[in-house]
């Protein structure tokens, strides 16, 4: 298994929340995004707003109701995580 930095974990969480949106929240047992940002952010030692920002980073690349940061290119370190994990299905992502 790959050793992820705290930033990589936050980026991966952001990708998950963007890609799977409400289905992802339900699978993790959260009632809303703020609860997910807080719980997941504090659990990995990062500000909840960072989790939200990473979700927003990926929003233009997935079918969800948010536009996210659609006026800029994906940052390199986020693209690396995107390229490696964006193809995963929900059930595989959770295992």
PDB file of N, CA and C in Angstrom:
ATOM      1  N   UNK A   1       0.843  -1.197   0.000  1.00  0.00           N
ATOM      2  CA  UNK A   1       0.000   0.000   0.000  1.00  0.00           C
ATOM      3  C   UNK A   1       0.877   1.245   0.000  1.00  0.00           C
ATOM      4  N   UNK A   2       0.454   2.228  -0.731  1.00  0.00           N
ATOM      5  CA  UNK A   2       1.187   3.475  -0.853  1.00  0.00           C
ATOM      6  C   UNK A   2       1.124   4.257   0.451  1.00  0.00           C
ATOM      7  N   UNK A   3       2.242   4.901   0.801  1.00  0.00           N
ATOM      8  CA  UNK A   3       2.291   5.761   1.978  1.00  0.00           C
ATOM      9  C   UNK A   3       1.867   7.171   1.563  1.00  0.00           C
ATOM     10  N   UNK A   4       0.708   7.605   2.022  1.00  0.00           N
ATOM     11  CA  UNK A   4       0.149   8.897   1.647  1.00  0.00           C
ATOM     12  C   UNK A   4       0.504   9.960   2.674  1.00  0.00           C
ATOM     13  N   UNK A   5       0.868  11.138   2.197  1.00  0.00           N
ATOM     14  CA  UNK A   5       1.046  12.285   3.088  1.00  0.00           C
ATOM     15  C   UNK A   5      -0.332  12.778   3.512  1.00  0.00           C
ATOM     16  N   UNK A   6      -0.364  13.661   4.484  1.00  0.00           N
ATOM     17  CA  UNK A   6      -1.639  14.244   4.916  1.00  0.00           C
ATOM     18  C   UNK A   6      -2.288  14.980   3.751  1.00  0.00           C
ATOM     19  N   UNK A   7      -1.486  15.706   2.982  1.00  0.00           N
ATOM     20  CA  UNK A   7      -2.038  16.426   1.828  1.00  0.00           C
ATOM     21  C   UNK A   7      -2.614  15.460   0.803  1.00  0.00           C
ATOM     22  N   UNK A   8      -1.906  14.365   0.523  1.00  0.00           N
ATOM     23  CA  UNK A   8      -2.420  13.373  -0.425  1.00  0.00           C
ATOM     24  C   UNK A   8      -3.737  12.782   0.061  1.00  0.00           C
ATOM     25  N   UNK A   9      -3.831  12.525   1.353  1.00  0.00           N
ATOM     26  CA  UNK A   9      -5.085  11.991   1.919  1.00  0.00           C
ATOM     27  C   UNK A   9      -6.217  12.990   1.742  1.00  0.00           C
ATOM     28  N   UNK A  10      -5.932  14.260   1.993  1.00  0.00           N
ATOM     29  CA  UNK A  10      -6.951  15.306   1.837  1.00  0.00           C
ATOM     30  C   UNK A  10      -7.400  15.413   0.377  1.00  0.00           C
ATOM     31  N   UNK A  11      -6.449  15.332  -0.538  1.00  0.00           N
ATOM     32  CA  UNK A  11      -6.776  15.399  -1.961  1.00  0.00           C
ATOM     33  C   UNK A  11      -7.634  14.208  -2.359  1.00  0.00           C
ATOM     34  N   UNK A  12      -7.275  13.026  -1.882  1.00  0.00           N
ATOM     35  CA  UNK A  12      -8.030  11.819  -2.194  1.00  0.00           C
ATOM     36  C   UNK A  12      -9.452  11.897  -1.639  1.00  0.00           C
ATOM     37  N   UNK A  13      -9.604  12.443  -0.449  1.00  0.00           N
ATOM     38  CA  UNK A  13     -10.938  12.640   0.125  1.00  0.00           C
ATOM     39  C   UNK A  13     -11.734  13.616  -0.731  1.00  0.00           C
ATOM     40  N   UNK A  14     -11.095  14.709  -1.156  1.00  0.00           N
ATOM     41  CA  UNK A  14     -11.758  15.680  -2.020  1.00  0.00           C
ATOM     42  C   UNK A  14     -12.214  15.053  -3.324  1.00  0.00           C
ATOM     43  N   UNK A  15     -11.378  14.222  -3.911  1.00  0.00           N
ATOM     44  CA  UNK A  15     -11.739  13.529  -5.141  1.00  0.00           C
ATOM     45  C   UNK A  15     -12.944  12.624  -4.901  1.00  0.00           C
ATOM     46  N   UNK A  16     -12.907  11.863  -3.820  1.00  0.00           N
ATOM     47  CA  UNK A  16     -14.013  10.968  -3.477  1.00  0.00           C
ATOM     48  C   UNK A  16     -15.322  11.739  -3.336  1.00  0.00           C
ATOM     49  N   UNK A  17     -15.292  12.842  -2.566  1.00  0.00           N
ATOM     50  CA  UNK A  17     -16.516  13.616  -2.326  1.00  0.00           C
ATOM     51  C   UNK A  17     -17.031  14.281  -3.598  1.00  0.00           C
ATOM     52  N   UNK A  18     -16.144  14.674  -4.479  1.00  0.00           N
ATOM     53  CA  UNK A  18     -16.567  15.269  -5.736  1.00  0.00           C
ATOM     54  C   UNK A  18     -17.155  14.218  -6.670  1.00  0.00           C
ATOM     55  N   UNK A  19     -16.452  13.113  -6.819  1.00  0.00           N
ATOM     56  CA  UNK A  19     -16.881  12.087  -7.763  1.00  0.00           C
ATOM     57  C   UNK A  19     -18.179  11.412  -7.339  1.00  0.00           C
ATOM     58  N   UNK A  20     -18.282  11.046  -6.078  1.00  0.00           N
ATOM     59  CA  UNK A  20     -19.424  10.257  -5.628  1.00  0.00           C
ATOM     60  C   UNK A  20     -20.517  11.083  -4.970  1.00  0.00           C
ATOM     61  N   UNK A  21     -20.259  12.350  -4.701  1.00  0.00           N
ATOM     62  CA  UNK A  21     -21.250  13.325  -4.243  1.00  0.00           C
ATOM     63  C   UNK A  21     -22.145  12.758  -3.137  1.00  0.00           C
ATOM     64  N   UNK A  22     -23.437  12.827  -3.295  1.00  0.00           N
ATOM     65  CA  UNK A  22     -24.383  12.384  -2.257  1.00  0.00           C
ATOM     66  C   UNK A  22     -24.276  10.883  -1.972  1.00  0.00           C
ATOM     67  N   UNK A  23     -24.027  10.083  -2.997  1.00  0.00           N
ATOM     68  CA  UNK A  23     -23.864   8.638  -2.783  1.00  0.00           C
ATOM     69  C   UNK A  23     -22.660   8.363  -1.880  1.00  0.00           C
ATOM     70  N   UNK A  24     -21.593   9.102  -2.089  1.00  0.00           N
ATOM     71  CA  UNK A  24     -20.409   8.951  -1.251  1.00  0.00           C
ATOM     72  C   UNK A  24     -20.675   9.336   0.193  1.00  0.00           C
ATOM     73  N   UNK A  25     -21.408  10.443   0.374  1.00  0.00           N
ATOM     74  CA  UNK A  25     -21.765  10.859   1.734  1.00  0.00           C
ATOM     75  C   UNK A  25     -22.556   9.766   2.446  1.00  0.00           C
ATOM     76  N   UNK A  26     -23.552   9.215   1.756  1.00  0.00           N
ATOM     77  CA  UNK A  26     -24.389   8.163   2.346  1.00  0.00           C
ATOM     78  C   UNK A  26     -23.572   6.938   2.694  1.00  0.00           C
ATOM     79  N   UNK A  27     -22.677   6.536   1.806  1.00  0.00           N
ATOM     80  CA  UNK A  27     -21.851   5.356   2.064  1.00  0.00           C
ATOM     81  C   UNK A  27     -20.950   5.548   3.279  1.00  0.00           C
ATOM     82  N   UNK A  28     -20.527   6.772   3.526  1.00  0.00           N
ATOM     83  CA  UNK A  28     -19.683   7.058   4.681  1.00  0.00           C
ATOM     84  C   UNK A  28     -20.488   7.375   5.931  1.00  0.00           C
ATOM     85  N   UNK A  29     -21.817   7.486   5.786  1.00  0.00           N
ATOM     86  CA  UNK A  29     -22.678   7.729   6.940  1.00  0.00           C
ATOM     87  C   UNK A  29     -22.819   9.184   7.338  1.00  0.00           C
ATOM     88  N   UNK A  30     -22.541  10.103   6.419  1.00  0.00           N
ATOM     89  CA  UNK A  30     -22.666  11.525   6.721  1.00  0.00           C
ATOM     90  C   UNK A  30     -23.998  12.061   6.227  1.00  0.00           C
ATOM     91  N   UNK A  31     -24.525  13.032   6.968  1.00  0.00           N
ATOM     92  CA  UNK A  31     -25.796  13.656   6.597  1.00  0.00           C
ATOM     93  C   UNK A  31     -25.608  14.827   5.641  1.00  0.00           C
ATOM     94  N   UNK A  32     -24.420  15.374   5.574  1.00  0.00           N
ATOM     95  CA  UNK A  32     -24.158  16.500   4.690  1.00  0.00           C
ATOM     96  C   UNK A  32     -22.667  16.733   4.526  1.00  0.00           C
ATOM     97  N   UNK A  33     -22.330  17.631   3.616  1.00  0.00           N
ATOM     98  CA  UNK A  33     -20.928  17.886   3.329  1.00  0.00           C
ATOM     99  C   UNK A  33     -20.193  18.528   4.499  1.00  0.00           C
ATOM    100  N   UNK A  34     -20.830  19.446   5.216  1.00  0.00           N
ATOM    101  CA  UNK A  34     -20.132  20.078   6.340  1.00  0.00           C
ATOM    102  C   UNK A  34     -19.730  19.052   7.389  1.00  0.00           C
ATOM    103  N   UNK A  35     -20.607  18.110   7.648  1.00  0.00           N
ATOM    104  CA  UNK A  35     -20.275  17.048   8.594  1.00  0.00           C
ATOM    105  C   UNK A  35     -19.089  16.231   8.068  1.00  0.00           C
ATOM    106  N   UNK A  36     -19.090  15.928   6.783  1.00  0.00           N
ATOM    107  CA  UNK A  36     -17.986  15.171   6.181  1.00  0.00           C
ATOM    108  C   UNK A  36     -16.685  15.971   6.230  1.00  0.00           C
ATOM    109  N   UNK A  37     -16.735  17.258   5.862  1.00  0.00           N
ATOM    110  CA  UNK A  37     -15.525  18.082   5.888  1.00  0.00           C
ATOM    111  C   UNK A  37     -14.930  18.110   7.294  1.00  0.00           C
ATOM    112  N   UNK A  38     -15.788  18.341   8.288  1.00  0.00           N
ATOM    113  CA  UNK A  38     -15.313  18.424   9.673  1.00  0.00           C
ATOM    114  C   UNK A  38     -14.743  17.098  10.163  1.00  0.00           C
ATOM    115  N   UNK A  39     -15.506  16.045  10.017  1.00  0.00           N
ATOM    116  CA  UNK A  39     -15.086  14.746  10.533  1.00  0.00           C
ATOM    117  C   UNK A  39     -13.827  14.250   9.831  1.00  0.00           C
ATOM    118  N   UNK A  40     -13.832  14.289   8.518  1.00  0.00           N
ATOM    119  CA  UNK A  40     -12.693  13.768   7.765  1.00  0.00           C
ATOM    120  C   UNK A  40     -11.462  14.669   7.905  1.00  0.00           C
ATOM    121  N   UNK A  41     -11.686  15.971   7.882  1.00  0.00           N
ATOM    122  CA  UNK A  41     -10.566  16.898   8.042  1.00  0.00           C
ATOM    123  C   UNK A  41      -9.873  16.726   9.377  1.00  0.00           C
ATOM    124  N   UNK A  42     -10.647  16.759  10.453  1.00  0.00           N
ATOM    125  CA  UNK A  42     -10.038  16.627  11.776  1.00  0.00           C
ATOM    126  C   UNK A  42      -9.432  15.239  11.990  1.00  0.00           C
ATOM    127  N   UNK A  43     -10.009  14.218  11.363  1.00  0.00           N
ATOM    128  CA  UNK A  43      -9.492  12.863  11.554  1.00  0.00           C
ATOM    129  C   UNK A  43      -8.113  12.665  10.923  1.00  0.00           C
ATOM    130  N   UNK A  44      -7.797  13.444   9.883  1.00  0.00           N
ATOM    131  CA  UNK A  44      -6.467  13.315   9.287  1.00  0.00           C
ATOM    132  C   UNK A  44      -5.548  14.479   9.658  1.00  0.00           C
ATOM    133  N   UNK A  45      -6.048  15.398  10.476  1.00  0.00           N
ATOM    134  CA  UNK A  45      -5.222  16.499  10.959  1.00  0.00           C
ATOM    135  C   UNK A  45      -5.078  17.658   9.991  1.00  0.00           C
ATOM    136  N   UNK A  46      -6.158  17.961   9.289  1.00  0.00           N
ATOM    137  CA  UNK A  46      -6.144  19.075   8.340  1.00  0.00           C
ATOM    138  C   UNK A  46      -7.427  19.891   8.524  1.00  0.00           C
ATOM    139  N   UNK A  47      -7.381  21.151   8.175  1.00  0.00           N
ATOM    140  CA  UNK A  47      -8.567  21.996   8.321  1.00  0.00           C
ATOM    141  C   UNK A  47      -9.694  21.493   7.417  1.00  0.00           C
ATOM    142  N   UNK A  48     -10.919  21.476   7.946  1.00  0.00           N
ATOM    143  CA  UNK A  48     -12.063  21.053   7.130  1.00  0.00           C
ATOM    144  C   UNK A  48     -12.192  21.846   5.828  1.00  0.00           C
ATOM    145  N   UNK A  49     -11.846  23.125   5.845  1.00  0.00           N
ATOM    146  CA  UNK A  49     -11.933  23.946   4.632  1.00  0.00           C
ATOM    147  C   UNK A  49     -11.008  23.419   3.533  1.00  0.00           C
ATOM    148  N   UNK A  50      -9.920  22.783   3.912  1.00  0.00           N
ATOM    149  CA  UNK A  50      -9.014  22.215   2.912  1.00  0.00           C
ATOM    150  C   UNK A  50      -9.680  21.057   2.184  1.00  0.00           C
ATOM    151  N   UNK A  51     -10.434  20.238   2.918  1.00  0.00           N
ATOM    152  CA  UNK A  51     -11.163  19.132   2.295  1.00  0.00           C
ATOM    153  C   UNK A  51     -12.163  19.707   1.284  1.00  0.00           C
ATOM    154  N   UNK A  52     -12.891  20.754   1.699  1.00  0.00           N
ATOM    155  CA  UNK A  52     -13.855  21.393   0.801  1.00  0.00           C
ATOM    156  C   UNK A  52     -13.150  21.945  -0.443  1.00  0.00           C
ATOM    157  N   UNK A  53     -12.011  22.581  -0.246  1.00  0.00           N
ATOM    158  CA  UNK A  53     -11.281  23.156  -1.379  1.00  0.00           C
ATOM    159  C   UNK A  53     -10.820  22.082  -2.356  1.00  0.00           C
ATOM    160  N   UNK A  54     -10.379  20.948  -1.845  1.00  0.00           N
ATOM    161  CA  UNK A  54      -9.979  19.861  -2.745  1.00  0.00           C
ATOM    162  C   UNK A  54     -11.182  19.273  -3.474  1.00  0.00           C
ATOM    163  N   UNK A  55     -12.317  19.188  -2.785  1.00  0.00           N
ATOM    164  CA  UNK A  55     -13.535  18.750  -3.488  1.00  0.00           C
ATOM    165  C   UNK A  55     -13.850  19.708  -4.619  1.00  0.00           C
ATOM    166  N   UNK A  56     -13.793  21.010  -4.329  1.00  0.00           N
ATOM    167  CA  UNK A  56     -14.059  22.035  -5.343  1.00  0.00           C
ATOM    168  C   UNK A  56     -13.069  21.952  -6.501  1.00  0.00           C
ATOM    169  N   UNK A  57     -11.844  21.573  -6.205  1.00  0.00           N
ATOM    170  CA  UNK A  57     -10.809  21.423  -7.242  1.00  0.00           C
ATOM    171  C   UNK A  57     -11.239  20.399  -8.290  1.00  0.00           C
ATOM    172  N   UNK A  58     -11.867  19.308  -7.838  1.00  0.00           N
ATOM    173  CA  UNK A  58     -12.236  18.217  -8.742  1.00  0.00           C
ATOM    174  C   UNK A  58     -13.636  18.351  -9.339  1.00  0.00           C
ATOM    175  N   UNK A  59     -14.458  19.224  -8.810  1.00  0.00           N
ATOM    176  CA  UNK A  59     -15.846  19.331  -9.273  1.00  0.00           C
ATOM    177  C   UNK A  59     -16.004  19.505 -10.787  1.00  0.00           C
ATOM    178  N   UNK A  60     -15.169  20.276 -11.467  1.00  0.00           N
ATOM    179  CA  UNK A  60     -15.358  20.407 -12.923  1.00  0.00           C
ATOM    180  C   UNK A  60     -15.139  19.110 -13.706  1.00  0.00           C
ATOM    181  N   UNK A  61     -14.568  18.110 -13.074  1.00  0.00           N
ATOM    182  CA  UNK A  61     -14.224  16.868 -13.763  1.00  0.00           C
ATOM    183  C   UNK A  61     -15.225  15.737 -13.558  1.00  0.00           C
ATOM    184  N   UNK A  62     -16.248  15.995 -12.753  1.00  0.00           N
ATOM    185  CA  UNK A  62     -17.248  14.966 -12.468  1.00  0.00           C
ATOM    186  C   UNK A  62     -18.656  15.536 -12.629  1.00  0.00           C
ATOM    187  N   UNK A  63     -19.605  14.635 -12.874  1.00  0.00           N
ATOM    188  CA  UNK A  63     -21.000  15.043 -12.995  1.00  0.00           C
ATOM    189  C   UNK A  63     -21.594  15.216 -11.603  1.00  0.00           C
ATOM    190  N   UNK A  64     -21.691  16.448 -11.175  1.00  0.00           N
ATOM    191  CA  UNK A  64     -22.344  16.806  -9.921  1.00  0.00           C
ATOM    192  C   UNK A  64     -22.900  18.214 -10.100  1.00  0.00           C
ATOM    193  N   UNK A  65     -23.727  18.686  -9.180  1.00  0.00           N
ATOM    194  CA  UNK A  65     -24.373  19.986  -9.397  1.00  0.00           C
ATOM    195  C   UNK A  65     -23.474  21.204  -9.164  1.00  0.00           C
ATOM    196  N   UNK A  66     -22.236  20.997  -8.729  1.00  0.00           N
ATOM    197  CA  UNK A  66     -21.351  22.124  -8.419  1.00  0.00           C
ATOM    198  C   UNK A  66     -20.417  22.420  -9.597  1.00  0.00           C
ATOM    199  N   UNK A  67     -20.066  23.692  -9.755  1.00  0.00           N
ATOM    200  CA  UNK A  67     -19.104  24.079 -10.791  1.00  0.00           C
ATOM    201  C   UNK A  67     -17.668  23.934 -10.306  1.00  0.00           C
ATOM    202  N   UNK A  68     -17.470  24.140  -8.997  1.00  0.00           N
ATOM    203  CA  UNK A  68     -16.120  24.084  -8.459  1.00  0.00           C
ATOM    204  C   UNK A  68     -15.236  25.150  -9.074  1.00  0.00           C
ATOM    205  N   UNK A  69     -13.947  24.846  -9.152  1.00  0.00           N
ATOM    206  CA  UNK A  69     -12.987  25.804  -9.698  1.00  0.00           C
ATOM    207  C   UNK A  69     -12.821  25.544 -11.185  1.00  0.00           C
ATOM    208  N   UNK A  70     -13.869  25.871 -11.940  1.00  0.00           N
ATOM    209  CA  UNK A  70     -13.919  25.558 -13.361  1.00  0.00           C
ATOM    210  C   UNK A  70     -13.104  26.508 -14.241  1.00  0.00           C
ATOM    211  N   UNK A  71     -12.606  27.584 -13.681  1.00  0.00           N
ATOM    212  CA  UNK A  71     -11.874  28.561 -14.491  1.00  0.00           C
ATOM    213  C   UNK A  71     -10.360  28.395 -14.408  1.00  0.00           C
ATOM    214  N   UNK A  72      -9.915  27.279 -13.831  1.00  0.00           N
ATOM    215  CA  UNK A  72      -8.470  27.060 -13.769  1.00  0.00           C
ATOM    216  C   UNK A  72      -8.156  25.595 -14.001  1.00  0.00           C
ATOM    217  N   UNK A  73      -6.916  25.343 -14.361  1.00  0.00           N
ATOM    218  CA  UNK A  73      -6.470  23.974 -14.585  1.00  0.00           C
ATOM    219  C   UNK A  73      -6.235  23.269 -13.255  1.00  0.00           C
ATOM    220  N   UNK A  74      -6.344  21.978 -13.280  1.00  0.00           N
ATOM    221  CA  UNK A  74      -6.071  21.146 -12.119  1.00  0.00           C
ATOM    222  C   UNK A  74      -4.592  21.283 -11.744  1.00  0.00           C
ATOM    223  N   UNK A  75      -4.321  21.535 -10.468  1.00  0.00           N
ATOM    224  CA  UNK A  75      -2.932  21.663 -10.022  1.00  0.00           C
ATOM    225  C   UNK A  75      -2.210  20.326 -10.162  1.00  0.00           C
ATOM    226  N   UNK A  76      -0.918  20.369 -10.403  1.00  0.00           N
ATOM    227  CA  UNK A  76      -0.121  19.179 -10.685  1.00  0.00           C
ATOM    228  C   UNK A  76      -0.237  18.090  -9.640  1.00  0.00           C
ATOM    229  N   UNK A  77      -0.127  18.445  -8.368  1.00  0.00           N
ATOM    230  CA  UNK A  77      -0.197  17.432  -7.319  1.00  0.00           C
ATOM    231  C   UNK A  77      -1.602  16.861  -7.175  1.00  0.00           C
ATOM    232  N   UNK A  78      -2.619  17.611  -7.579  1.00  0.00           N
ATOM    233  CA  UNK A  78      -3.985  17.082  -7.603  1.00  0.00           C
ATOM    234  C   UNK A  78      -4.197  16.207  -8.834  1.00  0.00           C
ATOM    235  N   UNK A  79      -3.596  16.597  -9.947  1.00  0.00           N
ATOM    236  CA  UNK A  79      -3.711  15.805 -11.171  1.00  0.00           C
ATOM    237  C   UNK A  79      -3.098  14.421 -10.978  1.00  0.00           C
ATOM    238  N   UNK A  80      -2.030  14.350 -10.225  1.00  0.00           N
ATOM    239  CA  UNK A  80      -1.381  13.063  -9.952  1.00  0.00           C
ATOM    240  C   UNK A  80      -2.365  12.118  -9.251  1.00  0.00           C
ATOM    241  N   UNK A  81      -3.058  12.600  -8.234  1.00  0.00           N
ATOM    242  CA  UNK A  81      -4.057  11.790  -7.520  1.00  0.00           C
ATOM    243  C   UNK A  81      -5.224  11.487  -8.450  1.00  0.00           C
ATOM    244  N   UNK A  82      -5.668  12.482  -9.216  1.00  0.00           N
ATOM    245  CA  UNK A  82      -6.768  12.297 -10.163  1.00  0.00           C
ATOM    246  C   UNK A  82      -6.442  11.180 -11.152  1.00  0.00           C
ATOM    247  N   UNK A  83      -5.271  11.240 -11.745  1.00  0.00           N
ATOM    248  CA  UNK A  83      -4.880  10.243 -12.743  1.00  0.00           C
ATOM    249  C   UNK A  83      -4.815   8.835 -12.154  1.00  0.00           C
ATOM    250  N   UNK A  84      -4.419   8.742 -10.906  1.00  0.00           N
ATOM    251  CA  UNK A  84      -4.256   7.429 -10.274  1.00  0.00           C
ATOM    252  C   UNK A  84      -5.566   6.834  -9.758  1.00  0.00           C
ATOM    253  N   UNK A  85      -6.508   7.683  -9.318  1.00  0.00           N
ATOM    254  CA  UNK A  85      -7.674   7.164  -8.606  1.00  0.00           C
ATOM    255  C   UNK A  85      -9.037   7.519  -9.198  1.00  0.00           C
ATOM    256  N   UNK A  86      -9.127   8.426 -10.144  1.00  0.00           N
ATOM    257  CA  UNK A  86     -10.433   8.895 -10.613  1.00  0.00           C
ATOM    258  C   UNK A  86     -11.243   7.829 -11.339  1.00  0.00           C
ATOM    259  N   UNK A  87     -10.616   6.793 -11.812  1.00  0.00           N
ATOM    260  CA  UNK A  87     -11.320   5.736 -12.550  1.00  0.00           C
ATOM    261  C   UNK A  87     -12.017   4.726 -11.629  1.00  0.00           C
ATOM    262  N   UNK A  88     -11.702   4.747 -10.349  1.00  0.00           N
ATOM    263  CA  UNK A  88     -12.251   3.746  -9.428  1.00  0.00           C
ATOM    264  C   UNK A  88     -13.758   3.897  -9.228  1.00  0.00           C
ATOM    265  N   UNK A  89     -14.436   2.792  -9.134  1.00  0.00           N
ATOM    266  CA  UNK A  89     -15.870   2.759  -8.810  1.00  0.00           C
ATOM    267  C   UNK A  89     -16.021   2.890  -7.293  1.00  0.00           C
ATOM    268  N   UNK A  90     -17.213   3.242  -6.847  1.00  0.00           N
ATOM    269  CA  UNK A  90     -17.472   3.479  -5.424  1.00  0.00           C
ATOM    270  C   UNK A  90     -17.107   2.276  -4.571  1.00  0.00           C
ATOM    271  N   UNK A  91     -17.559   1.082  -4.960  1.00  0.00           N
ATOM    272  CA  UNK A  91     -17.296  -0.086  -4.126  1.00  0.00           C
ATOM    273  C   UNK A  91     -15.804  -0.405  -4.029  1.00  0.00           C
ATOM    274  N   UNK A  92     -15.047  -0.143  -5.083  1.00  0.00           N
ATOM    275  CA  UNK A  92     -13.595  -0.377  -5.053  1.00  0.00           C
ATOM    276  C   UNK A  92     -12.911   0.684  -4.207  1.00  0.00           C
ATOM    277  N   UNK A  93     -13.370   1.910  -4.308  1.00  0.00           N
ATOM    278  CA  UNK A  93     -12.794   3.016  -3.564  1.00  0.00           C
ATOM    279  C   UNK A  93     -12.914   2.761  -2.060  1.00  0.00           C
ATOM    280  N   UNK A  94     -13.995   2.166  -1.641  1.00  0.00           N
ATOM    281  CA  UNK A  94     -14.246   1.951  -0.213  1.00  0.00           C
ATOM    282  C   UNK A  94     -13.528   0.727   0.363  1.00  0.00           C
ATOM    283  N   UNK A  95     -12.933  -0.115  -0.494  1.00  0.00           N
ATOM    284  CA  UNK A  95     -12.258  -1.298   0.033  1.00  0.00           C
ATOM    285  C   UNK A  95     -10.814  -1.077   0.315  1.00  0.00           C
TER     286      UNK A  95
END
